[in-house]
All heavy atoms as atom14 arrays in JSON, in Angstrom:
{
  "sequence": "RGGVPAEGVTAVILNVTVTNPTDESYVTAYPHGTGRPTASNLNFTPGE",
  "atom14_mask": [
    [1, 1, 1, 1, 1, 1, 1, 1, 1, 1, 1, 0, 0, 0],
    [1, 1, 1, 1, 0, 0, 0, 0, 0, 0, 0, 0, 0, 0],
    [1, 1, 1, 1, 0, 0, 0, 0, 0, 0, 0, 0, 0, 0],
    [1, 1, 1, 1, 1, 1, 1, 0, 0, 0, 0, 0, 0, 0],
    [1, 1, 1, 1, 1, 1, 1, 0, 0, 0, 0, 0, 0, 0],
    [1, 1, 1, 1, 1, 0, 0, 0, 0, 0, 0, 0, 0, 0],
    [1, 1, 1, 1, 1, 1, 1, 1, 1, 0, 0, 0, 0, 0],
    [1, 1, 1, 1, 0, 0, 0, 0, 0, 0, 0, 0, 0, 0],
    [1, 1, 1, 1, 1, 1, 1, 0, 0, 0, 0, 0, 0, 0],
    [1, 1, 1, 1, 1, 1, 1, 0, 0, 0, 0, 0, 0, 0],
    [1, 1, 1, 1, 1, 0, 0, 0, 0, 0, 0, 0, 0, 0],
    [1, 1, 1, 1, 1, 1, 1, 0, 0, 0, 0, 0, 0, 0],
    [1, 1, 1, 1, 1, 1, 1, 1, 0, 0, 0, 0, 0, 0],
    [1, 1, 1, 1, 1, 1, 1, 1, 0, 0, 0, 0, 0, 0],
    [1, 1, 1, 1, 1, 1, 1, 1, 0, 0, 0, 0, 0, 0],
    [1, 1, 1, 1, 1, 1, 1, 0, 0, 0, 0, 0, 0, 0],
    [1, 1, 1, 1, 1, 1, 1, 0, 0, 0, 0, 0, 0, 0],
    [1, 1, 1, 1, 1, 1, 1, 0, 0, 0, 0, 0, 0, 0],
    [1, 1, 1, 1, 1, 1, 1, 0, 0, 0, 0, 0, 0, 0],
    [1, 1, 1, 1, 1, 1, 1, 1, 0, 0, 0, 0, 0, 0],
    [1, 1, 1, 1, 1, 1, 1, 0, 0, 0, 0, 0, 0, 0],
    [1, 1, 1, 1, 1, 1, 1, 0, 0, 0, 0, 0, 0, 0],
    [1, 1, 1, 1, 1, 1, 1, 1, 0, 0, 0, 0, 0, 0],
    [1, 1, 1, 1, 1, 1, 1, 1, 1, 0, 0, 0, 0, 0],
    [1, 1, 1, 1, 1, 1, 0, 0, 0, 0, 0, 0, 0, 0],
    [1, 1, 1, 1, 1, 1, 1, 1, 1, 1, 1, 1, 0, 0],
    [1, 1, 1, 1, 1, 1, 1, 0, 0, 0, 0, 0, 0, 0],
    [1, 1, 1, 1, 1, 1, 1, 0, 0, 0, 0, 0, 0, 0],
    [1, 1, 1, 1, 1, 0, 0, 0, 0, 0, 0, 0, 0, 0],
    [1, 1, 1, 1, 1, 1, 1, 1, 1, 1, 1, 1, 0, 0],
    [1, 1, 1, 1, 1, 1, 1, 0, 0, 0, 0, 0, 0, 0],
    [1, 1, 1, 1, 1, 1, 1, 1, 1, 1, 0, 0, 0, 0],
    [1, 1, 1, 1, 0, 0, 0, 0, 0, 0, 0, 0, 0, 0],
    [1, 1, 1, 1, 1, 1, 1, 0, 0, 0, 0, 0, 0, 0],
    [1, 1, 1, 1, 0, 0, 0, 0, 0, 0, 0, 0, 0, 0],
    [1, 1, 1, 1, 1, 1, 1, 1, 1, 1, 1, 0, 0, 0],
    [1, 1, 1, 1, 1, 1, 1, 0, 0, 0, 0, 0, 0, 0],
    [1, 1, 1, 1, 1, 1, 1, 0, 0, 0, 0, 0, 0, 0],
    [1, 1, 1, 1, 1, 0, 0, 0, 0, 0, 0, 0, 0, 0],
    [1, 1, 1, 1, 1, 1, 0, 0, 0, 0, 0, 0, 0, 0],
    [1, 1, 1, 1, 1, 1, 1, 1, 0, 0, 0, 0, 0, 0],
    [1, 1, 1, 1, 1, 1, 1, 1, 0, 0, 0, 0, 0, 0],
    [1, 1, 1, 1, 1, 1, 1, 1, 0, 0, 0, 0, 0, 0],
    [1, 1, 1, 1, 1, 1, 1, 1, 1, 1, 1, 0, 0, 0],
    [1, 1, 1, 1, 1, 1, 1, 0, 0, 0, 0, 0, 0, 0],
    [1, 1, 1, 1, 1, 1, 1, 0, 0, 0, 0, 0, 0, 0],
    [1, 1, 1, 1, 0, 0, 0, 0, 0, 0, 0, 0, 0, 0],
    [1, 1, 1, 1, 1, 1, 1, 1, 1, 0, 0, 0, 0, 0]
  ],
  "atom14_positions": [
    [[90.15, 87.03, 120.23], [89.52, 87.59, 119.07], [89.17, 86.49, 118.0], [89.9, 85.44, 117.97], [90.49, 88.61, 118.39], [90.9, 89.77, 119.26], [91.79, 90.68, 118.56], [91.26, 91.25, 117.36], [91.89, 91.5, 116.19], [93.22, 91.16, 116.16], [91.32, 91.97, 115.09], [0.0, 0.0, 0.0], [0.0, 0.0, 0.0], [0.0, 0.0, 0.0]],
    [[88.11, 86.73, 117.26], [87.81, 85.86, 116.18], [87.51, 84.42, 116.59], [87.65, 83.57, 115.7], [0.0, 0.0, 0.0], [0.0, 0.0, 0.0], [0.0, 0.0, 0.0], [0.0, 0.0, 0.0], [0.0, 0.0, 0.0], [0.0, 0.0, 0.0], [0.0, 0.0, 0.0], [0.0, 0.0, 0.0], [0.0, 0.0, 0.0], [0.0, 0.0, 0.0]],
    [[87.06, 84.21, 117.74], [86.89, 82.83, 118.19], [87.92, 82.18, 118.96], [87.86, 81.04, 119.43], [0.0, 0.0, 0.0], [0.0, 0.0, 0.0], [0.0, 0.0, 0.0], [0.0, 0.0, 0.0], [0.0, 0.0, 0.0], [0.0, 0.0, 0.0], [0.0, 0.0, 0.0], [0.0, 0.0, 0.0], [0.0, 0.0, 0.0], [0.0, 0.0, 0.0]],
    [[89.11, 82.81, 119.03], [90.28, 82.31, 119.73], [90.07, 82.66, 121.24], [89.85, 83.84, 121.55], [91.59, 82.91, 119.17], [92.77, 82.4, 119.93], [91.68, 82.58, 117.73], [0.0, 0.0, 0.0], [0.0, 0.0, 0.0], [0.0, 0.0, 0.0], [0.0, 0.0, 0.0], [0.0, 0.0, 0.0], [0.0, 0.0, 0.0], [0.0, 0.0, 0.0]],
    [[90.26, 81.71, 122.19], [90.1, 81.93, 123.52], [91.14, 83.09, 124.04], [92.18, 83.26, 123.42], [90.45, 80.62, 124.25], [90.23, 79.65, 123.17], [90.66, 80.28, 121.93], [0.0, 0.0, 0.0], [0.0, 0.0, 0.0], [0.0, 0.0, 0.0], [0.0, 0.0, 0.0], [0.0, 0.0, 0.0], [0.0, 0.0, 0.0], [0.0, 0.0, 0.0]],
    [[90.8, 83.69, 125.14], [91.64, 84.77, 125.67], [92.87, 84.19, 126.36], [93.89, 84.86, 126.54], [90.82, 85.6, 126.7], [0.0, 0.0, 0.0], [0.0, 0.0, 0.0], [0.0, 0.0, 0.0], [0.0, 0.0, 0.0], [0.0, 0.0, 0.0], [0.0, 0.0, 0.0], [0.0, 0.0, 0.0], [0.0, 0.0, 0.0], [0.0, 0.0, 0.0]],
    [[92.81, 82.94, 126.78], [93.95, 82.33, 127.51], [94.18, 80.88, 127.07], [93.28, 80.26, 126.48], [93.68, 82.35, 129.0], [93.56, 83.71, 129.67], [93.35, 83.72, 131.18], [93.01, 82.6, 131.68], [93.43, 84.78, 131.81], [0.0, 0.0, 0.0], [0.0, 0.0, 0.0], [0.0, 0.0, 0.0], [0.0, 0.0, 0.0], [0.0, 0.0, 0.0]],
    [[95.38, 80.36, 127.31], [95.65, 79.05, 127.06], [95.98, 78.57, 125.64], [96.05, 77.46, 125.3], [0.0, 0.0, 0.0], [0.0, 0.0, 0.0], [0.0, 0.0, 0.0], [0.0, 0.0, 0.0], [0.0, 0.0, 0.0], [0.0, 0.0, 0.0], [0.0, 0.0, 0.0], [0.0, 0.0, 0.0], [0.0, 0.0, 0.0], [0.0, 0.0, 0.0]],
    [[96.24, 79.62, 124.72], [96.52, 79.35, 123.39], [98.03, 79.26, 123.13], [98.73, 80.17, 123.44], [95.91, 80.36, 122.44], [96.28, 80.18, 120.99], [94.39, 80.35, 122.63], [0.0, 0.0, 0.0], [0.0, 0.0, 0.0], [0.0, 0.0, 0.0], [0.0, 0.0, 0.0], [0.0, 0.0, 0.0], [0.0, 0.0, 0.0], [0.0, 0.0, 0.0]],
    [[98.46, 78.12, 122.54], [99.86, 77.95, 122.38], [100.35, 78.33, 120.96], [101.46, 78.71, 120.72], [100.34, 76.54, 122.65], [99.57, 75.67, 121.75], [100.13, 76.1, 124.06], [0.0, 0.0, 0.0], [0.0, 0.0, 0.0], [0.0, 0.0, 0.0], [0.0, 0.0, 0.0], [0.0, 0.0, 0.0], [0.0, 0.0, 0.0], [0.0, 0.0, 0.0]],
    [[99.48, 78.22, 119.99], [99.73, 78.53, 118.58], [98.46, 78.78, 117.81], [97.4, 78.34, 118.23], [100.62, 77.48, 117.94], [0.0, 0.0, 0.0], [0.0, 0.0, 0.0], [0.0, 0.0, 0.0], [0.0, 0.0, 0.0], [0.0, 0.0, 0.0], [0.0, 0.0, 0.0], [0.0, 0.0, 0.0], [0.0, 0.0, 0.0], [0.0, 0.0, 0.0]],
    [[98.57, 79.45, 116.76], [97.4, 79.67, 115.9], [97.77, 79.3, 114.4], [98.94, 79.34, 114.06], [96.94, 81.14, 115.84], [96.23, 81.47, 117.23], [98.07, 82.13, 115.56], [0.0, 0.0, 0.0], [0.0, 0.0, 0.0], [0.0, 0.0, 0.0], [0.0, 0.0, 0.0], [0.0, 0.0, 0.0], [0.0, 0.0, 0.0], [0.0, 0.0, 0.0]],
    [[96.79, 79.02, 113.67], [96.94, 78.79, 112.22], [96.35, 79.99, 111.53], [95.12, 80.29, 111.69], [96.31, 77.5, 111.72], [97.04, 76.26, 112.31], [96.35, 77.38, 110.2], [96.54, 74.97, 111.78], [0.0, 0.0, 0.0], [0.0, 0.0, 0.0], [0.0, 0.0, 0.0], [0.0, 0.0, 0.0], [0.0, 0.0, 0.0], [0.0, 0.0, 0.0]],
    [[97.18, 80.72, 110.78], [96.77, 81.98, 110.03], [96.94, 81.71, 108.56], [97.96, 81.1, 108.13], [97.52, 83.15, 110.55], [97.47, 83.52, 112.01], [98.4, 84.75, 112.26], [96.03, 83.99, 112.38], [0.0, 0.0, 0.0], [0.0, 0.0, 0.0], [0.0, 0.0, 0.0], [0.0, 0.0, 0.0], [0.0, 0.0, 0.0], [0.0, 0.0, 0.0]],
    [[96.05, 82.33, 107.78], [96.35, 82.51, 106.29], [96.76, 83.97, 106.21], [95.91, 84.94, 106.44], [95.15, 82.2, 105.53], [95.46, 82.19, 104.08], [96.28, 81.41, 103.62], [94.87, 83.07, 103.24], [0.0, 0.0, 0.0], [0.0, 0.0, 0.0], [0.0, 0.0, 0.0], [0.0, 0.0, 0.0], [0.0, 0.0, 0.0], [0.0, 0.0, 0.0]],
    [[98.01, 84.22, 105.89], [98.48, 85.59, 105.78], [98.71, 85.91, 104.33], [99.29, 85.13, 103.5], [99.92, 85.74, 106.47], [100.39, 87.13, 106.34], [99.74, 85.36, 108.01], [0.0, 0.0, 0.0], [0.0, 0.0, 0.0], [0.0, 0.0, 0.0], [0.0, 0.0, 0.0], [0.0, 0.0, 0.0], [0.0, 0.0, 0.0], [0.0, 0.0, 0.0]],
    [[98.15, 87.0, 103.93], [98.21, 87.46, 102.57], [98.89, 88.82, 102.48], [98.6, 89.71, 103.25], [96.8, 87.65, 101.98], [96.15, 86.42, 101.99], [96.91, 88.15, 100.5], [0.0, 0.0, 0.0], [0.0, 0.0, 0.0], [0.0, 0.0, 0.0], [0.0, 0.0, 0.0], [0.0, 0.0, 0.0], [0.0, 0.0, 0.0], [0.0, 0.0, 0.0]],
    [[99.92, 88.94, 101.61], [100.5, 90.25, 101.33], [99.92, 90.81, 100.03], [99.65, 90.03, 99.09], [102.05, 90.09, 101.21], [102.64, 89.62, 102.48], [102.46, 89.26, 100.02], [0.0, 0.0, 0.0], [0.0, 0.0, 0.0], [0.0, 0.0, 0.0], [0.0, 0.0, 0.0], [0.0, 0.0, 0.0], [0.0, 0.0, 0.0], [0.0, 0.0, 0.0]],
    [[99.69, 92.11, 100.05], [99.12, 92.74, 98.87], [99.63, 94.26, 98.8], [100.12, 94.8, 99.83], [97.6, 92.77, 98.91], [97.06, 93.22, 97.64], [97.0, 93.62, 100.04], [0.0, 0.0, 0.0], [0.0, 0.0, 0.0], [0.0, 0.0, 0.0], [0.0, 0.0, 0.0], [0.0, 0.0, 0.0], [0.0, 0.0, 0.0], [0.0, 0.0, 0.0]],
    [[99.75, 94.67, 97.61], [100.17, 96.06, 97.31], [101.59, 96.34, 97.76], [101.91, 97.41, 98.2], [99.29, 97.12, 97.97], [97.78, 96.97, 97.63], [97.47, 96.69, 96.47], [96.9, 97.09, 98.67], [0.0, 0.0, 0.0], [0.0, 0.0, 0.0], [0.0, 0.0, 0.0], [0.0, 0.0, 0.0], [0.0, 0.0, 0.0], [0.0, 0.0, 0.0]],
    [[102.55, 95.39, 97.57], [103.89, 95.65, 98.01], [104.59, 96.66, 96.98], [104.3, 96.54, 95.78], [104.53, 94.26, 97.98], [103.8, 93.5, 96.94], [102.35, 94.03, 97.06], [0.0, 0.0, 0.0], [0.0, 0.0, 0.0], [0.0, 0.0, 0.0], [0.0, 0.0, 0.0], [0.0, 0.0, 0.0], [0.0, 0.0, 0.0], [0.0, 0.0, 0.0]],
    [[105.47, 97.45, 97.53], [106.14, 98.41, 96.68], [107.55, 97.92, 96.19], [108.09, 98.43, 95.24], [106.39, 99.67, 97.46], [107.23, 99.49, 98.57], [105.1, 100.39, 97.79], [0.0, 0.0, 0.0], [0.0, 0.0, 0.0], [0.0, 0.0, 0.0], [0.0, 0.0, 0.0], [0.0, 0.0, 0.0], [0.0, 0.0, 0.0], [0.0, 0.0, 0.0]],
    [[108.06, 96.83, 96.88], [109.4, 96.34, 96.51], [109.34, 94.82, 96.65], [108.51, 94.21, 97.29], [110.46, 96.9, 97.53], [110.76, 98.3, 97.22], [110.02, 99.19, 97.74], [111.75, 98.58, 96.5], [0.0, 0.0, 0.0], [0.0, 0.0, 0.0], [0.0, 0.0, 0.0], [0.0, 0.0, 0.0], [0.0, 0.0, 0.0], [0.0, 0.0, 0.0]],
    [[110.42, 94.18, 96.05], [110.62, 92.72, 96.31], [111.05, 92.58, 97.74], [112.03, 93.24, 98.23], [111.69, 92.25, 95.34], [111.93, 90.79, 95.49], [112.9, 90.25, 94.41], [113.03, 90.92, 93.35], [113.58, 89.24, 94.63], [0.0, 0.0, 0.0], [0.0, 0.0, 0.0], [0.0, 0.0, 0.0], [0.0, 0.0, 0.0], [0.0, 0.0, 0.0]],
    [[110.43, 91.72, 98.49], [110.74, 91.62, 99.95], [110.25, 90.27, 100.44], [109.84, 89.33, 99.69], [110.01, 92.78, 100.69], [110.28, 92.78, 102.09], [0.0, 0.0, 0.0], [0.0, 0.0, 0.0], [0.0, 0.0, 0.0], [0.0, 0.0, 0.0], [0.0, 0.0, 0.0], [0.0, 0.0, 0.0], [0.0, 0.0, 0.0], [0.0, 0.0, 0.0]],
    [[110.22, 90.14, 101.77], [109.68, 88.97, 102.42], [109.12, 89.45, 103.73], [109.49, 90.47, 104.36], [110.79, 87.88, 102.68], [111.9, 88.18, 103.59], [111.77, 88.04, 104.9], [113.11, 88.68, 103.07], [112.81, 88.37, 105.86], [114.13, 88.91, 103.93], [114.01, 88.81, 105.33], [114.99, 89.11, 106.14], [0.0, 0.0, 0.0], [0.0, 0.0, 0.0]],
    [[108.18, 88.53, 104.27], [107.48, 88.74, 105.58], [107.77, 87.51, 106.4], [107.64, 86.39, 105.96], [106.05, 89.01, 105.38], [105.31, 88.8, 106.75], [105.79, 90.42, 104.85], [0.0, 0.0, 0.0], [0.0, 0.0, 0.0], [0.0, 0.0, 0.0], [0.0, 0.0, 0.0], [0.0, 0.0, 0.0], [0.0, 0.0, 0.0], [0.0, 0.0, 0.0]],
    [[108.04, 87.72, 107.68], [108.23, 86.63, 108.69], [107.23, 86.79, 109.74], [107.05, 87.83, 110.32], [109.67, 86.72, 109.25], [110.57, 86.57, 108.2], [109.89, 85.63, 110.31], [0.0, 0.0, 0.0], [0.0, 0.0, 0.0], [0.0, 0.0, 0.0], [0.0, 0.0, 0.0], [0.0, 0.0, 0.0], [0.0, 0.0, 0.0], [0.0, 0.0, 0.0]],
    [[106.6, 85.65, 110.12], [105.63, 85.57, 111.28], [106.44, 84.8, 112.45], [106.97, 83.77, 112.2], [104.36, 84.85, 110.96], [0.0, 0.0, 0.0], [0.0, 0.0, 0.0], [0.0, 0.0, 0.0], [0.0, 0.0, 0.0], [0.0, 0.0, 0.0], [0.0, 0.0, 0.0], [0.0, 0.0, 0.0], [0.0, 0.0, 0.0], [0.0, 0.0, 0.0]],
    [[106.4, 85.39, 113.63], [107.08, 84.66, 114.71], [106.44, 85.05, 116.0], [105.67, 85.96, 116.17], [108.59, 85.08, 114.67], [108.89, 86.55, 114.79], [109.32, 87.14, 115.92], [108.72, 87.38, 113.71], [109.7, 88.53, 116.06], [109.02, 88.73, 113.72], [109.49, 89.32, 114.93], [109.79, 90.61, 114.99], [0.0, 0.0, 0.0], [0.0, 0.0, 0.0]],
    [[106.86, 84.29, 117.16], [106.22, 84.63, 118.43], [106.57, 85.96, 118.93], [107.66, 86.45, 118.81], [106.9, 83.41, 119.29], [107.46, 82.5, 118.41], [107.74, 83.2, 117.17], [0.0, 0.0, 0.0], [0.0, 0.0, 0.0], [0.0, 0.0, 0.0], [0.0, 0.0, 0.0], [0.0, 0.0, 0.0], [0.0, 0.0, 0.0], [0.0, 0.0, 0.0]],
    [[105.53, 86.61, 119.5], [105.7, 87.93, 119.98], [106.85, 88.1, 121.07], [106.98, 87.32, 121.92], [104.46, 88.46, 120.65], [104.53, 89.81, 121.34], [104.82, 90.99, 120.61], [104.43, 90.16, 122.64], [104.87, 91.98, 121.47], [104.67, 91.46, 122.73], [0.0, 0.0, 0.0], [0.0, 0.0, 0.0], [0.0, 0.0, 0.0], [0.0, 0.0, 0.0]],
    [[107.66, 89.19, 120.86], [108.71, 89.46, 121.83], [109.9, 88.61, 121.81], [110.83, 88.92, 122.63], [0.0, 0.0, 0.0], [0.0, 0.0, 0.0], [0.0, 0.0, 0.0], [0.0, 0.0, 0.0], [0.0, 0.0, 0.0], [0.0, 0.0, 0.0], [0.0, 0.0, 0.0], [0.0, 0.0, 0.0], [0.0, 0.0, 0.0], [0.0, 0.0, 0.0]],
    [[109.97, 87.68, 120.93], [111.14, 86.82, 120.84], [112.11, 87.43, 119.73], [111.71, 88.28, 118.94], [110.81, 85.33, 120.52], [110.13, 85.38, 119.14], [109.82, 84.85, 121.48], [0.0, 0.0, 0.0], [0.0, 0.0, 0.0], [0.0, 0.0, 0.0], [0.0, 0.0, 0.0], [0.0, 0.0, 0.0], [0.0, 0.0, 0.0], [0.0, 0.0, 0.0]],
    [[113.29, 86.9, 119.74], [114.23, 87.34, 118.68], [113.73, 86.98, 117.28], [113.22, 85.82, 117.06], [0.0, 0.0, 0.0], [0.0, 0.0, 0.0], [0.0, 0.0, 0.0], [0.0, 0.0, 0.0], [0.0, 0.0, 0.0], [0.0, 0.0, 0.0], [0.0, 0.0, 0.0], [0.0, 0.0, 0.0], [0.0, 0.0, 0.0], [0.0, 0.0, 0.0]],
    [[113.79, 87.92, 116.35], [113.27, 87.61, 115.02], [114.25, 86.53, 114.36], [115.4, 86.72, 114.29], [113.3, 88.87, 114.17], [112.83, 88.7, 112.73], [112.59, 90.01, 112.05], [113.73, 90.9, 112.04], [114.73, 90.82, 111.17], [114.72, 89.92, 110.23], [115.69, 91.7, 111.32], [0.0, 0.0, 0.0], [0.0, 0.0, 0.0], [0.0, 0.0, 0.0]],
    [[113.61, 85.53, 113.82], [114.4, 84.41, 113.19], [114.93, 84.83, 111.81], [114.37, 85.78, 111.22], [113.45, 83.24, 113.12], [112.08, 83.89, 113.0], [112.19, 85.21, 113.82], [0.0, 0.0, 0.0], [0.0, 0.0, 0.0], [0.0, 0.0, 0.0], [0.0, 0.0, 0.0], [0.0, 0.0, 0.0], [0.0, 0.0, 0.0], [0.0, 0.0, 0.0]],
    [[115.79, 84.06, 111.21], [116.24, 84.32, 109.81], [115.22, 83.63, 108.8], [115.38, 83.89, 107.65], [117.64, 83.65, 109.59], [117.55, 82.31, 109.93], [118.68, 84.42, 110.54], [0.0, 0.0, 0.0], [0.0, 0.0, 0.0], [0.0, 0.0, 0.0], [0.0, 0.0, 0.0], [0.0, 0.0, 0.0], [0.0, 0.0, 0.0], [0.0, 0.0, 0.0]],
    [[114.26, 82.89, 109.36], [113.24, 82.25, 108.47], [112.34, 83.3, 107.91], [112.18, 84.32, 108.44], [112.49, 81.2, 109.26], [0.0, 0.0, 0.0], [0.0, 0.0, 0.0], [0.0, 0.0, 0.0], [0.0, 0.0, 0.0], [0.0, 0.0, 0.0], [0.0, 0.0, 0.0], [0.0, 0.0, 0.0], [0.0, 0.0, 0.0], [0.0, 0.0, 0.0]],
    [[111.69, 82.92, 106.81], [110.71, 83.76, 106.15], [109.44, 82.91, 105.87], [109.51, 81.7, 105.73], [111.2, 84.34, 104.93], [111.47, 83.39, 103.88], [0.0, 0.0, 0.0], [0.0, 0.0, 0.0], [0.0, 0.0, 0.0], [0.0, 0.0, 0.0], [0.0, 0.0, 0.0], [0.0, 0.0, 0.0], [0.0, 0.0, 0.0], [0.0, 0.0, 0.0]],
    [[108.29, 83.62, 105.7], [107.01, 82.91, 105.41], [106.47, 83.25, 104.02], [105.82, 82.45, 103.4], [105.97, 83.2, 106.46], [106.4, 82.73, 107.87], [106.85, 83.43, 108.67], [106.17, 81.43, 108.04], [0.0, 0.0, 0.0], [0.0, 0.0, 0.0], [0.0, 0.0, 0.0], [0.0, 0.0, 0.0], [0.0, 0.0, 0.0], [0.0, 0.0, 0.0]],
    [[106.64, 84.53, 103.64], [106.11, 85.0, 102.3], [107.31, 85.72, 101.53], [107.85, 86.63, 102.13], [104.93, 85.8, 102.43], [103.69, 85.2, 103.01], [103.4, 85.65, 104.4], [102.5, 85.53, 102.12], [0.0, 0.0, 0.0], [0.0, 0.0, 0.0], [0.0, 0.0, 0.0], [0.0, 0.0, 0.0], [0.0, 0.0, 0.0], [0.0, 0.0, 0.0]],
    [[107.46, 85.35, 100.33], [108.39, 86.06, 99.45], [107.59, 86.65, 98.28], [106.72, 85.97, 97.75], [109.51, 85.12, 98.92], [110.35, 84.58, 100.1], [109.84, 83.69, 100.76], [111.55, 85.04, 100.22], [0.0, 0.0, 0.0], [0.0, 0.0, 0.0], [0.0, 0.0, 0.0], [0.0, 0.0, 0.0], [0.0, 0.0, 0.0], [0.0, 0.0, 0.0]],
    [[107.87, 87.9, 97.92], [106.91, 88.5, 96.92], [107.71, 89.66, 96.12], [108.82, 90.09, 96.5], [105.75, 89.18, 97.57], [106.03, 89.9, 98.84], [106.28, 91.35, 98.72], [106.11, 89.38, 100.09], [106.62, 92.06, 99.9], [106.39, 90.03, 101.27], [106.68, 91.44, 101.14], [0.0, 0.0, 0.0], [0.0, 0.0, 0.0], [0.0, 0.0, 0.0]],
    [[107.11, 90.0, 94.98], [107.6, 91.04, 94.07], [106.65, 92.18, 94.13], [105.58, 92.14, 94.56], [107.73, 90.48, 92.65], [106.51, 89.93, 92.27], [108.78, 89.27, 92.63], [0.0, 0.0, 0.0], [0.0, 0.0, 0.0], [0.0, 0.0, 0.0], [0.0, 0.0, 0.0], [0.0, 0.0, 0.0], [0.0, 0.0, 0.0], [0.0, 0.0, 0.0]],
    [[107.1, 93.35, 93.56], [106.2, 94.53, 93.59], [104.94, 94.29, 92.9], [104.79, 93.7, 91.86], [107.09, 95.59, 92.79], [108.43, 95.16, 92.93], [108.53, 93.65, 93.05], [0.0, 0.0, 0.0], [0.0, 0.0, 0.0], [0.0, 0.0, 0.0], [0.0, 0.0, 0.0], [0.0, 0.0, 0.0], [0.0, 0.0, 0.0], [0.0, 0.0, 0.0]],
    [[103.78, 94.71, 93.62], [102.46, 94.61, 93.03], [101.86, 93.31, 93.17], [100.65, 93.11, 92.85], [0.0, 0.0, 0.0], [0.0, 0.0, 0.0], [0.0, 0.0, 0.0], [0.0, 0.0, 0.0], [0.0, 0.0, 0.0], [0.0, 0.0, 0.0], [0.0, 0.0, 0.0], [0.0, 0.0, 0.0], [0.0, 0.0, 0.0], [0.0, 0.0, 0.0]],
    [[102.54, 92.32, 93.73], [102.02, 90.95, 93.8], [101.06, 90.76, 95.07], [101.34, 91.36, 96.12], [103.18, 89.97, 93.81], [102.76, 88.48, 93.84], [103.99, 87.56, 93.75], [105.06, 87.95, 94.29], [103.85, 86.45, 93.25], [0.0, 0.0, 0.0], [0.0, 0.0, 0.0], [0.0, 0.0, 0.0], [0.0, 0.0, 0.0], [0.0, 0.0, 0.0]]
  ]
}
């Protein structure tokens, strides 16, 4: 999708934006199907 090949891709660079959050929270991006890490990528407050 989006110009990314169907096979042979080891990682992607994404710009991830959070919008319209209802609570203070965080979002984590990680490899599909693996154990969710304790790391986070975005921290945000309501409405940010």
